[in-house]
Amino acid sequence: MKIIVVSDTHGNCGSLEKIVLIHRNTADLFIHLGDGASDVRTLLLRNPELSEKFASIRGNCDFSREDNTSVFIKEIGGHKLFAVHGHNHYVRDQTDFIRKSAESCGCNIILFGHTHKRYNIFNSGMYFFNPGSAAFPRDGLKPSYGVIDITAEGVLMGHGNA
């Protein structure tokens, strides 16, 4: 299963749309990790056929969002995904709290945004992944997004430039 992960577009729908259109025919799932609810809404109004392949999380800057989805959990290929924006899990400072939250749900893949910084690490059986920001990075790198492939052989996570 191929998953495209985007976060922190903050009103730059063009960046989100560019990423989604590149992968629309090859991705099984798109996940937006927050701070871009209006971008997701606009994208899906323009491309309603993508609605079934799209999940989005509420970020700390998504004030106008109608629903309060703050956690997305999905079992995929023998793995269980835990996706949040990250502001309620203190991801700017550490990953202990988000790890405990994911473990309590039986998850071993943790996706988060909020920091606008790319992050990709495997530690003690847990995958931690932040796609960075597709519009406003804070790590000195280009805007980015994530690509995750989950197969019978394992999990492969990487970043693409937005």
Protein backbone atom coordinates (compact mmCIF):
# COMPACT_ATOMS: atom_id res chain seq x y z
CA MET A 1 0.00 0.00 0.00
CA LYS A 2 1.33 3.42 -0.97
CA ILE A 3 0.46 6.31 1.35
CA ILE A 4 1.20 9.99 0.66
CA VAL A 5 1.48 12.07 3.83
CA VAL A 6 1.24 15.88 3.80
CA SER A 7 1.22 18.39 6.63
CA ASP A 8 1.18 22.07 7.42
CA THR A 9 0.11 23.57 4.09
CA HIS A 10 -1.36 26.62 5.89
CA GLY A 11 -3.41 27.99 3.00
CA ASN A 12 -1.13 26.87 0.18
CA CYS A 13 -3.64 24.65 -1.60
CA GLY A 14 -1.49 24.76 -4.75
CA SER A 15 1.27 22.86 -3.00
CA LEU A 16 -1.13 20.20 -1.74
CA GLU A 17 -2.79 19.89 -5.13
CA LYS A 18 0.54 19.51 -6.92
CA ILE A 19 1.55 16.62 -4.62
CA VAL A 20 -1.82 14.89 -4.87
CA LEU A 21 -2.00 15.18 -8.67
CA ILE A 22 1.47 13.66 -9.02
CA HIS A 23 0.42 10.62 -6.97
CA ARG A 24 -3.33 10.39 -7.67
CA ASN A 25 -2.99 7.26 -9.83
CA THR A 26 -0.43 5.42 -7.69
CA ALA A 27 -1.39 6.24 -4.09
CA ASP A 28 -3.86 4.12 -2.16
CA LEU A 29 -4.30 6.69 0.60
CA PHE A 30 -3.57 10.38 1.20
CA ILE A 31 -3.27 11.68 4.76
CA HIS A 32 -3.11 15.38 5.64
CA LEU A 33 -1.79 15.78 9.19
CA GLY A 34 -3.35 19.16 9.90
CA ASP A 35 -3.00 22.90 9.55
CA GLY A 36 -4.50 22.86 6.09
CA ALA A 37 -8.19 21.94 6.51
CA SER A 38 -9.26 24.64 4.05
CA ASP A 39 -6.69 23.34 1.55
CA VAL A 40 -8.08 19.81 1.83
CA ARG A 41 -11.64 21.12 1.46
CA THR A 42 -10.70 23.08 -1.68
CA LEU A 43 -8.78 20.15 -3.16
CA LEU A 44 -11.68 17.75 -2.64
CA LEU A 45 -14.20 20.22 -4.09
CA ARG A 46 -12.06 20.33 -7.24
CA ASN A 47 -11.39 16.56 -7.21
CA PRO A 48 -14.36 14.87 -5.47
CA GLU A 49 -13.31 11.45 -6.78
CA LEU A 50 -10.38 11.56 -4.34
CA SER A 51 -12.61 11.81 -1.24
CA GLU A 52 -12.58 8.06 -0.60
CA LYS A 53 -8.77 8.01 -0.67
CA PHE A 54 -8.34 10.98 1.70
CA ALA A 55 -8.02 11.26 5.49
CA SER A 56 -7.28 14.47 7.33
CA ILE A 57 -6.51 15.43 10.89
CA ARG A 58 -7.35 18.66 12.68
CA GLY A 59 -4.30 20.80 13.43
CA ASN A 60 -3.90 23.58 15.97
CA CYS A 61 -4.49 26.21 13.26
CA ASP A 62 -7.59 24.58 11.74
CA PHE A 63 -10.11 26.83 13.43
CA SER A 64 -12.83 26.58 10.80
CA ARG A 65 -12.81 22.81 10.56
CA GLU A 66 -16.28 21.32 10.98
CA ASP A 67 -15.24 18.05 12.60
CA ASN A 68 -12.78 17.44 15.41
CA THR A 69 -10.89 14.44 14.02
CA SER A 70 -7.65 14.66 15.94
CA VAL A 71 -6.48 11.04 15.64
CA PHE A 72 -6.57 8.72 12.64
CA ILE A 73 -5.86 5.03 13.25
CA LYS A 74 -5.75 2.44 10.48
CA GLU A 75 -4.54 -1.14 10.22
CA ILE A 76 -2.56 -1.76 7.04
CA GLY A 77 -0.63 -4.82 5.99
CA GLY A 78 0.08 -6.15 9.48
CA HIS A 79 0.95 -2.70 10.82
CA LYS A 80 -1.19 -0.18 12.65
CA LEU A 81 -0.90 3.51 11.86
CA PHE A 82 -1.36 6.30 14.44
CA ALA A 83 -1.67 9.74 12.80
CA VAL A 84 -2.02 13.06 14.67
CA HIS A 85 -1.04 16.66 14.11
CA GLY A 86 1.27 16.51 17.11
CA HIS A 87 0.63 19.69 19.07
CA ASN A 88 -1.27 17.76 21.76
CA HIS A 89 1.58 15.24 21.98
CA TYR A 90 4.40 17.76 22.61
CA VAL A 91 6.33 16.68 19.50
CA ARG A 92 8.39 19.88 19.43
CA ASP A 93 10.28 18.70 22.50
CA GLN A 94 10.22 14.89 22.54
CA THR A 95 8.55 11.73 21.22
CA ASP A 96 7.92 9.85 24.49
CA PHE A 97 4.33 11.05 24.89
CA ILE A 98 3.31 10.29 21.30
CA ARG A 99 4.99 6.86 21.56
CA LYS A 100 2.95 6.01 24.66
CA SER A 101 -0.27 7.19 23.00
CA ALA A 102 0.42 5.07 19.90
CA GLU A 103 1.43 2.02 21.95
CA SER A 104 -1.77 2.24 23.99
CA CYS A 105 -3.69 1.83 20.71
CA GLY A 106 -1.50 -1.04 19.52
CA CYS A 107 0.09 1.10 16.79
CA ASN A 108 3.66 0.81 15.53
CA ILE A 109 3.71 3.52 12.84
CA ILE A 110 3.47 7.09 14.15
CA LEU A 111 2.77 9.99 11.80
CA PHE A 112 2.84 13.58 13.01
CA GLY A 113 3.30 17.12 11.71
CA HIS A 114 3.25 20.46 13.56
CA THR A 115 7.03 21.06 13.71
CA HIS A 116 7.42 21.76 9.96
CA LYS A 117 10.58 19.62 10.14
CA ARG A 118 11.25 16.30 8.43
CA TYR A 119 11.70 13.35 10.76
CA ASN A 120 12.14 9.67 9.93
CA ILE A 121 13.40 7.19 12.52
CA PHE A 122 12.87 3.57 13.52
CA ASN A 123 13.34 2.99 17.25
CA SER A 124 12.53 -0.11 19.32
CA GLY A 125 9.98 -1.49 16.87
CA MET A 126 8.28 1.86 16.24
CA TYR A 127 8.37 3.96 13.09
CA PHE A 128 8.25 7.73 13.68
CA PHE A 129 7.62 9.92 10.65
CA ASN A 130 7.03 13.63 10.05
CA PRO A 131 6.72 14.66 6.39
CA GLY A 132 7.82 18.22 7.15
CA SER A 133 5.80 21.09 5.72
CA ALA A 134 4.57 21.10 2.13
CA ALA A 135 4.57 24.90 2.16
CA PHE A 136 6.59 26.45 5.00
CA PRO A 137 9.50 24.27 6.18
CA ARG A 138 11.47 25.19 9.30
CA ASP A 139 14.42 22.86 8.80
CA GLY A 140 16.31 24.76 6.11
CA LEU A 141 15.22 22.25 3.46
CA LYS A 142 12.73 22.53 0.61
CA PRO A 143 9.01 22.06 1.24
CA SER A 144 8.32 18.33 1.55
CA TYR A 145 5.86 15.51 1.91
CA GLY A 146 6.08 11.84 2.81
CA VAL A 147 5.82 8.63 0.84
CA ILE A 148 5.20 5.39 2.73
CA ASP A 149 5.15 1.95 1.13
CA ILE A 150 3.82 -0.88 3.27
CA THR A 151 4.37 -4.32 1.75
CA ALA A 152 4.70 -7.89 2.96
CA GLU A 153 8.45 -7.29 3.07
CA GLY A 154 8.23 -4.30 5.38
CA VAL A 155 7.78 -0.55 5.67
CA LEU A 156 9.68 2.00 3.59
CA MET A 157 9.36 5.71 4.41
CA GLY A 158 10.88 8.63 2.57
CA HIS A 159 10.48 12.30 1.73
CA GLY A 160 9.74 14.00 -1.55
CA ASN A 161 10.20 17.68 -2.34
CA ALA A 162 6.96 19.60 -2.77
